[in-house]
Amino acid sequence: MTQKKDFLFPLYEAHVRLLADASSIHIEGLPDGPDTLPLPALYRNGIQAIYNLLESMVPHISCICVSGIWDVREALPFTAFDLWIQQDTEEGFYLPMASALSLFRENGIPYYHHPLNA
């Protein structure tokens, strides 16, 4: 039997979003459990620090959305792969990958990178 190579992720992983504003952080996309699951302090503090920094630099920011992979097998289950900035004006944008990586690294949030040749 040949192994099927496709782009579906395994069942133990979920693609989730962490939404943060000035006062709260929410999780969207968990297959089991509530969307308001308490985050480990590493993520809560890191995401809030990123929001606070971006709030001082980007006009009219309403929230940020960090997308990533939630792997239930890991002690630190979340690995980020992008960062969206939402503005009050109904507009928003993705931060460039190098900028997002720098913010994640400086704030202790693991960053997911899949090599192109894998």
Protein backbone atom coordinates (compact mmCIF):
# COMPACT_ATOMS: atom_id res chain seq x y z
CA MET A 1 0.00 0.00 0.00
CA THR A 2 1.40 3.41 -0.91
CA GLN A 3 1.45 6.20 1.59
CA LYS A 4 -0.72 9.12 0.62
CA LYS A 5 1.14 12.43 0.68
CA ASP A 6 -1.25 15.30 1.15
CA PHE A 7 -1.48 18.50 3.12
CA LEU A 8 -3.86 17.35 5.83
CA PHE A 9 -2.51 17.71 9.33
CA PRO A 10 -2.64 14.84 11.85
CA LEU A 11 -5.56 14.41 14.24
CA TYR A 12 -3.48 15.29 17.32
CA GLU A 13 -2.90 18.78 15.86
CA ALA A 14 -5.34 21.62 15.54
CA HIS A 15 -4.89 24.89 13.69
CA VAL A 16 -5.95 27.55 16.17
CA ARG A 17 -5.96 31.30 16.57
CA LEU A 18 -5.08 33.29 19.67
CA LEU A 19 -6.97 36.59 19.66
CA ALA A 20 -5.67 39.30 21.97
CA ASP A 21 -6.71 42.84 22.76
CA ALA A 22 -5.79 45.17 25.60
CA SER A 23 -7.65 43.12 28.20
CA SER A 24 -8.07 39.48 27.12
CA ILE A 25 -6.84 36.54 25.09
CA HIS A 26 -9.15 33.95 23.50
CA ILE A 27 -8.47 30.70 21.66
CA GLU A 28 -10.47 29.76 18.57
CA GLY A 29 -10.40 26.43 16.80
CA LEU A 30 -9.71 23.90 19.55
CA PRO A 31 -11.38 20.60 18.64
CA ASP A 32 -12.02 19.71 22.30
CA GLY A 33 -12.60 21.95 25.25
CA PRO A 34 -13.71 25.53 25.66
CA ASP A 35 -12.36 28.39 23.59
CA THR A 36 -11.51 30.18 26.83
CA LEU A 37 -9.06 27.47 27.93
CA PRO A 38 -6.45 28.98 30.26
CA LEU A 39 -3.20 29.52 28.40
CA PRO A 40 0.14 28.71 29.99
CA ALA A 41 1.75 31.89 31.37
CA LEU A 42 4.46 31.76 28.67
CA TYR A 43 1.87 32.38 25.96
CA ARG A 44 -0.35 34.73 27.91
CA ASN A 45 2.57 37.01 28.86
CA GLY A 46 4.22 36.80 25.42
CA ILE A 47 1.07 37.54 23.43
CA GLN A 48 0.13 40.42 25.74
CA ALA A 49 3.66 41.88 25.44
CA ILE A 50 3.46 41.66 21.63
CA TYR A 51 0.05 43.35 21.66
CA ASN A 52 1.28 46.15 23.93
CA LEU A 53 4.31 46.79 21.73
CA LEU A 54 2.27 46.81 18.51
CA GLU A 55 -0.39 49.02 20.10
CA SER A 56 2.28 51.68 20.64
CA MET A 57 3.44 51.43 17.01
CA VAL A 58 0.31 50.82 14.90
CA PRO A 59 -2.48 53.40 14.79
CA HIS A 60 -6.03 52.29 15.60
CA ILE A 61 -5.14 48.69 16.52
CA SER A 62 -8.10 46.77 17.93
CA CYS A 63 -6.61 43.29 18.34
CA ILE A 64 -4.00 40.86 17.11
CA CYS A 65 -4.50 37.31 15.92
CA VAL A 66 -1.69 34.79 16.22
CA SER A 67 -2.34 31.65 14.17
CA GLY A 68 -0.55 28.43 14.89
CA ILE A 69 -0.60 24.74 15.62
CA TRP A 70 -1.89 23.28 18.88
CA ASP A 71 -0.30 19.86 19.48
CA VAL A 72 -1.87 18.00 22.42
CA ARG A 73 1.22 15.77 22.78
CA GLU A 74 3.53 18.65 23.72
CA ALA A 75 4.15 20.20 27.15
CA LEU A 76 4.00 23.63 25.49
CA PRO A 77 1.27 22.91 22.97
CA PHE A 78 1.17 26.06 20.81
CA THR A 79 3.58 26.97 18.00
CA ALA A 80 2.90 30.22 16.11
CA PHE A 81 3.13 30.64 12.35
CA ASP A 82 1.74 34.11 11.58
CA LEU A 83 0.57 37.37 13.12
CA TRP A 84 -2.41 39.44 11.92
CA ILE A 85 -2.97 43.01 13.12
CA GLN A 86 -6.60 44.16 13.07
CA GLN A 87 -7.32 47.87 13.06
CA ASP A 88 -10.48 49.69 14.17
CA THR A 89 -11.06 50.82 10.59
CA GLU A 90 -12.09 47.28 9.48
CA GLU A 91 -8.67 46.93 7.88
CA GLY A 92 -5.77 44.80 8.93
CA PHE A 93 -2.59 43.18 7.70
CA TYR A 94 -0.19 40.31 8.29
CA LEU A 95 3.11 41.27 9.80
CA PRO A 96 6.05 40.25 7.58
CA MET A 97 7.44 36.85 8.53
CA ALA A 98 10.80 38.23 9.71
CA SER A 99 9.06 40.75 11.98
CA ALA A 100 6.67 38.15 13.39
CA LEU A 101 9.56 35.74 14.00
CA SER A 102 11.49 38.44 15.85
CA LEU A 103 8.50 39.31 18.06
CA PHE A 104 7.79 35.64 18.81
CA ARG A 105 11.45 34.94 19.61
CA GLU A 106 11.82 38.02 21.86
CA ASN A 107 8.69 37.05 23.79
CA GLY A 108 9.35 33.32 24.22
CA ILE A 109 6.72 31.99 21.81
CA PRO A 110 7.83 29.04 19.66
CA TYR A 111 7.69 29.71 15.92
CA TYR A 112 6.76 27.02 13.39
CA HIS A 113 8.83 26.76 10.24
CA HIS A 114 8.42 23.91 7.80
CA PRO A 115 11.44 23.56 5.50
CA LEU A 116 10.56 23.89 1.82
CA ASN A 117 12.48 20.73 0.85
CA ALA A 118 10.75 18.42 3.35
